[in-house]
């Protein structure tokens, strides 16, 4: 999307694109889940610079094959869109090209599904050549079956020498071939970038590797800054960074590589998962995964499940994992009021921690990265895990490391 925000001569904002959210709700889905999912879609819209004015939901066994929602609901949406002058319709699912065309024909407005919205955000956030190439590939793969509905200039005819269909060939057919050729070229570019990355990783193959993974906007970059003492870009928006950041970190003379990865999300477009698998190689090849969780989010368990499913798809779900429950400050703020007795609060926190310690076999920790709370304990837990792997690979350095640690303790 472009021109979401327009500026006047005095540099003040004149117009921001407005949108309505539309979702088909399965009968087994609770109202709470529906609210959470649409909250996330609204956050995606906000990240993309779009203001949401209203939500429309309809309970159906499955989306309508022609128009996603029923005719009556579509007319209801049309009346509101016309009354309020809405710019954009956002669908909380990936819809077919025919569904998109049918909805746009009735509403006379642009329609974006969840996948296209995420792709648009990724396109804005990409900074490196690799990320830009991956996003462009995913966009083309998504748009290829939708060329007829999305490109308004395709009604023109193109003829002439060298066109496969001869004189009068529709431009859409030419553009389809151009897109397919571009997809092939982008895939070749990614293969070259992957080879360079493989060479780079081989040069550090002997290093213990730790990767931060998790749902988007859970605080991975903030934790990266704390653990690596680096100024990595962090922002309270979805997909604040797409590019993998790798830093060498040393705890008590034990070095390891720490990497940040792109955040996962519910209904992550398949093309993005495929395109970004090379970026996720840092997670695939890691020795230890740090699964960061925003425990203050009401659906944090669902978010954990999404991450675990993607890790399973990447075949790295059997790796050692430390679950980092982040944003404890917000969790306490949301769960406890000022009148709650201190002992009750303490008991509730103890119960929460003991429950998850049991479920993760003691491989979890509760922190607040923004407040630097309990991060020393996180460092110690991570250090013990890394040290164990380090000494397995370099047993001859055990004496040196022990002498160094004793010297630190004496100081």
Protein backbone atom coordinates (compact mmCIF):
# COMPACT_ATOMS: atom_id res chain seq x y z
CA UNK A 1 0.00 0.00 0.00
CA UNK A 2 1.13 3.55 -0.65
CA UNK A 3 0.03 7.04 0.29
CA UNK A 4 -1.45 5.93 3.60
CA UNK A 5 -0.54 9.31 5.03
CA UNK A 6 -0.73 12.58 3.11
CA UNK A 7 0.83 15.87 4.20
CA UNK A 8 -0.35 19.43 3.75
CA UNK A 9 1.83 22.41 2.81
CA UNK A 10 2.57 23.01 6.50
CA UNK A 11 3.71 19.38 6.85
CA UNK A 12 0.66 18.41 8.92
CA UNK A 13 -1.10 15.11 8.34
CA UNK A 14 -4.21 15.59 6.22
CA UNK A 15 -5.40 12.02 5.75
CA UNK A 16 -4.64 8.56 7.07
CA UNK A 17 -6.19 5.55 5.39
CA UNK A 18 -9.12 4.09 7.29
CA UNK A 19 -10.22 0.49 7.31
CA UNK A 20 -12.78 -1.97 8.58
CA UNK A 21 -11.85 -5.45 9.74
CA UNK A 22 -13.81 -8.46 8.51
CA UNK A 23 -13.63 -11.99 9.90
CA UNK A 24 -15.52 -15.24 9.53
CA UNK A 25 -15.66 -16.90 12.94
CA UNK A 26 -15.80 -20.71 13.21
CA UNK A 27 -18.57 -21.97 15.45
CA UNK A 28 -16.10 -23.54 17.90
CA UNK A 29 -14.13 -20.28 18.34
CA UNK A 30 -14.87 -18.35 21.52
CA UNK A 31 -15.69 -14.64 21.64
CA UNK A 32 -12.47 -14.06 23.59
CA UNK A 33 -10.40 -15.70 20.86
CA UNK A 34 -12.19 -13.68 18.19
CA UNK A 35 -11.39 -10.45 20.04
CA UNK A 36 -7.73 -11.46 20.43
CA UNK A 37 -7.38 -12.32 16.75
CA UNK A 38 -8.97 -9.07 15.61
CA UNK A 39 -6.85 -7.12 18.10
CA UNK A 40 -3.83 -8.58 16.36
CA UNK A 41 -5.20 -7.70 12.91
CA UNK A 42 -5.80 -4.16 14.14
CA UNK A 43 -2.23 -4.02 15.46
CA UNK A 44 -1.03 -5.18 12.04
CA UNK A 45 -3.05 -2.39 10.42
CA UNK A 46 -1.64 0.15 12.88
CA UNK A 47 1.89 -1.07 12.14
CA UNK A 48 1.15 -0.49 8.46
CA UNK A 49 -0.14 3.03 9.12
CA UNK A 50 -3.87 2.30 8.77
CA UNK A 51 -6.57 3.36 11.25
CA UNK A 52 -9.31 0.84 12.05
CA UNK A 53 -12.82 2.21 12.55
CA UNK A 54 -15.03 -0.88 12.89
CA UNK A 55 -15.05 -4.68 13.05
CA UNK A 56 -17.47 -6.99 11.25
CA UNK A 57 -17.73 -10.66 12.19
CA UNK A 58 -19.98 -13.50 11.07
CA UNK A 59 -20.22 -17.01 12.48
CA UNK A 60 -20.13 -19.55 9.67
CA UNK A 61 -19.07 -23.18 9.36
CA UNK A 62 -16.69 -22.02 6.62
CA UNK A 63 -16.18 -18.82 4.58
CA UNK A 64 -18.48 -18.26 1.62
CA UNK A 65 -16.75 -19.49 -1.55
CA UNK A 66 -17.76 -16.41 -3.52
CA UNK A 67 -17.68 -13.46 -1.14
CA UNK A 68 -16.06 -14.78 2.09
CA UNK A 69 -19.04 -13.50 4.16
CA UNK A 70 -22.74 -13.92 3.35
CA UNK A 71 -24.63 -11.51 1.08
CA UNK A 72 -26.49 -9.89 3.99
CA UNK A 73 -23.27 -9.21 5.91
CA UNK A 74 -21.63 -7.87 2.76
CA UNK A 75 -24.49 -5.39 2.29
CA UNK A 76 -24.13 -4.33 5.94
CA UNK A 77 -20.44 -3.68 5.40
CA UNK A 78 -21.20 -1.77 2.18
CA UNK A 79 -23.64 0.56 3.94
CA UNK A 80 -21.07 1.42 6.64
CA UNK A 81 -18.21 1.84 4.16
CA UNK A 82 -20.23 4.24 2.03
CA UNK A 83 -21.46 6.22 5.04
CA UNK A 84 -18.01 6.65 6.61
CA UNK A 85 -15.95 6.90 3.42
CA UNK A 86 -13.75 3.93 4.34
CA UNK A 87 -10.65 3.42 2.20
CA UNK A 88 -9.78 -0.21 2.81
CA UNK A 89 -11.27 -3.60 3.71
CA UNK A 90 -8.98 -5.91 5.74
CA UNK A 91 -9.84 -9.62 5.83
CA UNK A 92 -8.50 -11.75 8.72
CA UNK A 93 -7.78 -14.72 6.46
CA UNK A 94 -6.09 -15.42 3.17
CA UNK A 95 -8.81 -15.19 0.52
CA UNK A 96 -8.84 -16.44 -3.05
CA UNK A 97 -8.40 -14.11 -6.05
CA UNK A 98 -12.06 -14.63 -7.01
CA UNK A 99 -13.27 -13.80 -3.48
CA UNK A 100 -11.20 -10.63 -3.54
CA UNK A 101 -12.59 -9.56 -6.92
CA UNK A 102 -16.16 -10.29 -5.86
CA UNK A 103 -15.88 -8.29 -2.63
CA UNK A 104 -14.25 -5.35 -4.42
CA UNK A 105 -16.98 -5.40 -7.08
CA UNK A 106 -19.68 -5.01 -4.42
CA UNK A 107 -17.90 -2.59 -2.07
CA UNK A 108 -16.03 -0.56 -4.72
CA UNK A 109 -13.07 -0.42 -2.31
CA UNK A 110 -9.66 -2.04 -2.11
CA UNK A 111 -9.58 -5.36 -0.29
CA UNK A 112 -6.48 -6.75 1.38
CA UNK A 113 -6.35 -10.08 3.13
CA UNK A 114 -4.16 -10.86 6.13
CA UNK A 115 -1.33 -12.27 4.03
CA UNK A 116 -1.07 -9.20 1.80
CA UNK A 117 -1.11 -6.91 4.83
CA UNK A 118 1.78 -8.82 6.41
CA UNK A 119 3.67 -8.79 3.11
CA UNK A 120 3.21 -5.01 2.91
CA UNK A 121 4.64 -4.59 6.42
CA UNK A 122 7.57 -6.85 5.55
CA UNK A 123 8.25 -4.79 2.43
CA UNK A 124 8.46 -1.61 4.54
CA UNK A 125 10.69 -3.23 7.17
CA UNK A 126 13.21 -4.99 4.91
CA UNK A 127 16.64 -3.37 5.08
CA UNK A 128 19.28 -5.83 3.83
CA UNK A 129 19.58 -7.22 0.31
CA UNK A 130 18.61 -10.65 1.59
CA UNK A 131 15.45 -9.45 3.35
CA UNK A 132 14.39 -7.33 0.38
CA UNK A 133 14.91 -10.26 -1.98
CA UNK A 134 12.94 -12.60 0.27
CA UNK A 135 10.03 -10.16 0.57
CA UNK A 136 9.92 -9.45 -3.16
CA UNK A 137 9.87 -13.18 -3.89
CA UNK A 138 7.03 -13.77 -1.42
CA UNK A 139 5.05 -10.84 -2.87
CA UNK A 140 5.38 -12.08 -6.44
CA UNK A 141 4.42 -15.63 -5.49
CA UNK A 142 1.36 -14.30 -3.71
CA UNK A 143 0.37 -11.88 -6.47
CA UNK A 144 0.89 -14.20 -9.45
CA UNK A 145 -2.59 -15.79 -9.34
CA UNK A 146 -4.10 -12.36 -8.56
CA UNK A 147 -2.66 -10.34 -11.44
CA UNK A 148 -6.00 -9.91 -13.15
CA UNK A 149 -7.64 -8.39 -10.11
CA UNK A 150 -4.73 -6.32 -8.79
CA UNK A 151 -3.16 -4.67 -11.82
CA UNK A 152 -5.49 -2.09 -13.33
CA UNK A 153 -3.29 -1.45 -16.37
CA UNK A 154 -3.68 -4.98 -17.71
CA UNK A 155 -6.68 -4.22 -19.88
CA UNK A 156 -4.39 -2.82 -22.58
CA UNK A 157 -3.29 -5.06 -25.45
CA UNK A 158 0.26 -5.63 -26.53
CA UNK A 159 1.28 -7.04 -29.88
CA UNK A 160 4.43 -7.21 -31.93
CA UNK A 161 7.44 -9.30 -32.74
CA UNK A 162 8.77 -11.61 -30.07
CA UNK A 163 5.53 -12.14 -28.13
CA UNK A 164 4.64 -15.78 -27.71
CA UNK A 165 0.93 -15.29 -28.39
CA UNK A 166 1.43 -13.07 -31.42
CA UNK A 167 -0.48 -9.91 -32.22
CA UNK A 168 -3.17 -8.91 -29.77
CA UNK A 169 -1.79 -10.86 -26.81
CA UNK A 170 -3.24 -9.62 -23.54
CA UNK A 171 -0.74 -7.79 -21.40
CA UNK A 172 -1.71 -9.91 -18.40
CA UNK A 173 -0.21 -12.96 -20.11
CA UNK A 174 3.01 -11.07 -20.80
CA UNK A 175 3.16 -9.78 -17.25
CA UNK A 176 2.56 -13.28 -15.90
CA UNK A 177 5.59 -14.52 -17.80
CA UNK A 178 7.62 -11.53 -16.60
CA UNK A 179 6.59 -12.29 -13.00
CA UNK A 180 7.48 -15.98 -13.36
CA UNK A 181 10.85 -15.04 -14.84
CA UNK A 182 11.45 -12.61 -11.98
CA UNK A 183 10.53 -15.30 -9.41
CA UNK A 184 13.10 -17.64 -10.97
CA UNK A 185 15.74 -14.89 -10.87
CA UNK A 186 14.99 -14.04 -7.23
CA UNK A 187 15.27 -17.70 -6.25
CA UNK A 188 18.68 -17.82 -7.93
CA UNK A 189 19.71 -14.65 -6.08
CA UNK A 190 18.68 -16.22 -2.77
CA UNK A 191 20.69 -19.35 -3.56
CA UNK A 192 23.77 -17.17 -4.05
CA UNK A 193 23.08 -15.32 -0.80
CA UNK A 194 22.57 -18.66 0.97
CA UNK A 195 25.94 -19.91 -0.29
CA UNK A 196 27.59 -16.78 1.09
CA UNK A 197 25.81 -17.31 4.42
CA UNK A 198 26.88 -20.96 4.52
CA UNK A 199 30.49 -19.92 3.98
CA UNK A 200 30.14 -17.32 6.73
CA UNK A 201 28.61 -19.86 9.12
CA UNK A 202 31.34 -22.42 8.38
CA UNK A 203 33.93 -19.90 9.57
CA UNK A 204 32.26 -19.93 12.98
CA UNK A 205 31.12 -23.57 12.98
CA UNK A 206 33.01 -24.43 16.15
CA UNK A 207 31.27 -21.74 18.17
CA UNK A 208 28.32 -22.58 20.39
CA UNK A 209 25.26 -20.91 18.87
CA UNK A 210 22.22 -19.53 20.64
CA UNK A 211 19.16 -18.17 18.82
CA UNK A 212 16.32 -16.00 20.10
CA UNK A 213 12.97 -17.13 18.69
CA UNK A 214 9.40 -16.21 19.50
CA UNK A 215 6.18 -14.56 18.46
CA UNK A 216 6.48 -11.06 17.02
CA UNK A 217 6.69 -8.15 19.49
CA UNK A 218 7.60 -10.22 22.55
CA UNK A 219 10.86 -8.36 23.29
CA UNK A 220 13.53 -10.44 21.51
CA UNK A 221 15.51 -7.41 20.34
CA UNK A 222 15.41 -5.83 23.81
CA UNK A 223 16.78 -9.06 25.29
CA UNK A 224 19.40 -9.15 22.56
CA UNK A 225 20.53 -5.70 23.66
CA UNK A 226 20.77 -6.80 27.30
CA UNK A 227 22.62 -10.05 26.67
CA UNK A 228 24.95 -8.81 23.94
CA UNK A 229 25.25 -5.22 25.21
CA UNK A 230 24.53 -4.05 21.69
CA UNK A 231 22.20 -1.36 20.37
CA UNK A 232 19.87 -3.54 18.27
CA UNK A 233 16.77 -1.81 16.88
CA UNK A 234 13.74 -2.50 19.08
CA UNK A 235 10.25 -1.04 18.71
CA UNK A 236 6.76 -1.76 20.04
CA UNK A 237 5.45 -2.77 16.64
CA UNK A 238 4.96 -6.05 14.84
CA UNK A 239 8.00 -7.19 12.84
CA UNK A 240 10.16 -4.31 14.05
CA UNK A 241 13.11 -6.07 12.42
CA UNK A 242 13.32 -8.72 9.72
CA UNK A 243 17.06 -9.11 9.43
CA UNK A 244 18.92 -11.66 11.50
CA UNK A 245 21.41 -10.05 13.89
CA UNK A 246 24.36 -12.14 15.10
CA UNK A 247 26.69 -11.04 17.88
CA UNK A 248 29.60 -12.73 19.66
CA UNK A 249 28.98 -12.80 23.40
CA UNK A 250 31.33 -13.90 26.19
CA UNK A 251 30.18 -14.95 29.66
CA UNK A 252 33.05 -15.66 32.10
CA UNK A 253 35.53 -16.40 29.28
CA UNK A 254 33.05 -18.75 27.53
CA UNK A 255 32.23 -17.34 24.07
CA UNK A 256 29.13 -18.06 22.00
CA UNK A 257 27.17 -16.55 19.13
CA UNK A 258 23.79 -15.00 19.89
CA UNK A 259 21.34 -14.37 17.04
CA UNK A 260 17.96 -12.66 16.78
CA UNK A 261 15.40 -13.92 14.26
CA UNK A 262 12.24 -12.61 12.61
CA UNK A 263 9.17 -12.89 14.82
CA UNK A 264 6.50 -15.50 14.10
CA UNK A 265 2.79 -14.78 13.91
CA UNK A 266 -0.53 -16.60 13.62
CA UNK A 267 -1.46 -17.45 10.02
CA UNK A 268 1.99 -16.47 8.78
CA UNK A 269 1.74 -16.58 4.96
CA UNK A 270 3.19 -19.79 3.58
CA UNK A 271 5.23 -17.89 0.98
CA UNK A 272 6.91 -15.93 3.77
CA UNK A 273 7.79 -19.06 5.73
CA UNK A 274 9.33 -20.54 2.59
CA UNK A 275 11.15 -17.35 1.60
CA UNK A 276 12.50 -16.69 5.09
CA UNK A 277 13.74 -20.21 5.79
CA UNK A 278 17.26 -19.05 4.92
CA UNK A 279 16.98 -16.28 7.50
CA UNK A 280 15.72 -18.84 10.00
CA UNK A 281 18.82 -20.97 9.42
CA UNK A 282 20.20 -19.28 12.53
CA UNK A 283 17.46 -21.04 14.50
CA UNK A 284 17.82 -24.28 12.54
CA UNK A 285 21.57 -24.46 13.19
CA UNK A 286 21.50 -23.17 16.77
CA UNK A 287 22.65 -25.36 19.66
CA UNK A 288 20.25 -23.68 22.11
CA UNK A 289 16.99 -21.85 21.48
CA UNK A 290 15.76 -19.01 23.68
CA UNK A 291 11.98 -19.03 23.23
CA UNK A 292 10.86 -15.55 24.30
CA UNK A 293 7.22 -15.26 25.41
CA UNK A 294 5.18 -12.15 26.21
CA UNK A 295 3.51 -13.47 29.36
CA UNK A 296 1.43 -10.29 29.67
CA UNK A 297 -0.46 -11.14 26.48
CA UNK A 298 -3.83 -12.79 27.16
CA UNK A 299 -3.16 -15.40 24.45
CA UNK A 300 0.48 -16.10 25.30
CA UNK A 301 -0.10 -19.86 25.40
CA UNK A 302 -1.57 -19.78 21.88
CA UNK A 303 1.41 -17.72 20.75
CA UNK A 304 3.76 -20.29 22.24
CA UNK A 305 1.92 -23.01 20.31
CA UNK A 306 2.28 -21.04 17.05
CA UNK A 307 6.03 -20.73 17.59
CA UNK A 308 6.36 -24.41 18.49
CA UNK A 309 4.46 -25.44 15.34
CA UNK A 310 6.75 -23.34 13.11
CA UNK A 311 9.83 -24.70 14.89
CA UNK A 312 8.46 -28.17 14.22
CA UNK A 313 8.00 -27.29 10.55
CA UNK A 314 11.64 -26.13 10.50
CA UNK A 315 12.65 -29.45 12.11
CA UNK A 316 14.32 -27.80 15.08
CA UNK A 317 11.75 -28.61 17.75
CA UNK A 318 14.04 -31.15 19.45
CA UNK A 319 16.75 -28.64 20.32
CA UNK A 320 17.44 -27.60 23.95
CA UNK A 321 15.13 -24.69 24.79
CA UNK A 322 15.05 -22.08 27.53
CA UNK A 323 11.63 -20.44 27.74
CA UNK A 324 11.97 -16.78 28.71
CA UNK A 325 8.71 -15.36 30.04
CA UNK A 326 9.23 -11.66 29.36
CA UNK A 327 7.23 -8.55 30.34
CA UNK A 328 6.55 -9.65 33.91
CA UNK A 329 6.08 -5.99 34.80
CA UNK A 330 3.08 -5.77 32.46
CA UNK A 331 1.78 -9.14 33.63
CA UNK A 332 1.70 -7.98 37.25
CA UNK A 333 0.19 -4.66 36.22
CA UNK A 334 -2.61 -6.47 34.37
CA UNK A 335 -3.24 -9.21 36.94
CA UNK A 336 -2.82 -7.46 40.30
CA UNK A 337 -4.53 -4.35 41.59
CA UNK A 338 -3.19 -2.08 44.32
CA UNK A 339 -5.51 -3.57 46.94
CA UNK A 340 -4.27 -7.15 46.54
CA UNK A 341 -2.44 -8.28 49.70
CA UNK A 342 1.27 -8.83 49.21
CA UNK A 343 1.15 -12.42 50.43
CA UNK A 344 -1.63 -13.31 47.98
CA UNK A 345 0.35 -11.75 45.12
CA UNK A 346 3.45 -13.67 46.17
CA UNK A 347 1.54 -16.97 46.32
CA UNK A 348 0.01 -16.40 42.89
CA UNK A 349 3.40 -15.66 41.34
CA UNK A 350 4.93 -18.70 43.04
CA UNK A 351 2.14 -20.91 41.71
CA UNK A 352 2.57 -19.51 38.20
CA UNK A 353 6.32 -20.08 38.20
CA UNK A 354 6.14 -23.56 39.71
CA UNK A 355 3.55 -24.59 37.15
CA UNK A 356 5.69 -23.54 34.20
CA UNK A 357 8.89 -24.84 35.76
CA UNK A 358 7.24 -28.25 35.88
CA UNK A 359 5.95 -28.01 32.31
CA UNK A 360 9.35 -26.95 30.93
CA UNK A 361 11.39 -29.28 33.17
CA UNK A 362 13.01 -26.30 34.93
CA UNK A 363 14.08 -24.74 31.64
CA UNK A 364 12.29 -21.43 32.01
CA UNK A 365 12.79 -18.08 33.66
CA UNK A 366 10.63 -15.00 34.32
CA UNK A 367 12.07 -11.60 33.45
CA UNK A 368 11.27 -8.02 32.52
CA UNK A 369 13.76 -6.98 29.86
CA UNK A 370 12.60 -3.38 29.84
CA UNK A 371 13.18 -3.13 33.61
CA UNK A 372 16.29 -5.33 33.53
CA UNK A 373 14.58 -7.54 36.13
CA UNK A 374 15.96 -11.04 36.76
CA UNK A 375 18.29 -10.75 33.77
CA UNK A 376 21.32 -11.67 35.92
CA UNK A 377 19.60 -14.99 36.67
CA UNK A 378 18.92 -15.40 32.94
CA UNK A 379 22.60 -14.85 32.19
CA UNK A 380 23.57 -17.46 34.75
CA UNK A 381 21.06 -20.01 33.40
CA UNK A 382 22.25 -19.42 29.84
CA UNK A 383 25.88 -19.51 30.94
CA UNK A 384 25.45 -22.95 32.51
CA UNK A 385 23.86 -24.30 29.31
CA UNK A 386 26.53 -22.79 27.06
CA UNK A 387 29.37 -23.85 29.37
CA UNK A 388 28.23 -27.47 29.22
CA UNK A 389 28.33 -27.48 25.41
CA UNK A 390 31.57 -25.48 25.36
CA UNK A 391 33.40 -27.97 27.58
CA UNK A 392 32.08 -30.88 25.52
CA UNK A 393 33.66 -29.36 22.43
CA UNK A 394 36.82 -28.05 24.14
CA UNK A 395 37.51 -30.38 27.10
CA UNK A 396 41.18 -29.32 27.08
CA UNK A 397 40.07 -25.78 28.05
CA UNK A 398 38.33 -26.93 31.23
CA UNK A 399 41.36 -26.17 33.41
CA UNK A 400 41.82 -22.71 31.88
CA UNK A 401 38.18 -21.86 32.35
CA UNK A 402 38.21 -23.06 35.99
CA UNK A 403 41.33 -20.99 36.76
CA UNK A 404 39.73 -17.94 35.14
CA UNK A 405 36.51 -18.37 37.15
CA UNK A 406 38.42 -18.74 40.41
CA UNK A 407 40.36 -15.56 39.61
CA UNK A 408 37.08 -13.69 39.02
CA UNK A 409 35.66 -14.95 42.32
CA UNK A 410 38.77 -13.80 44.20
CA UNK A 411 38.43 -10.35 42.67
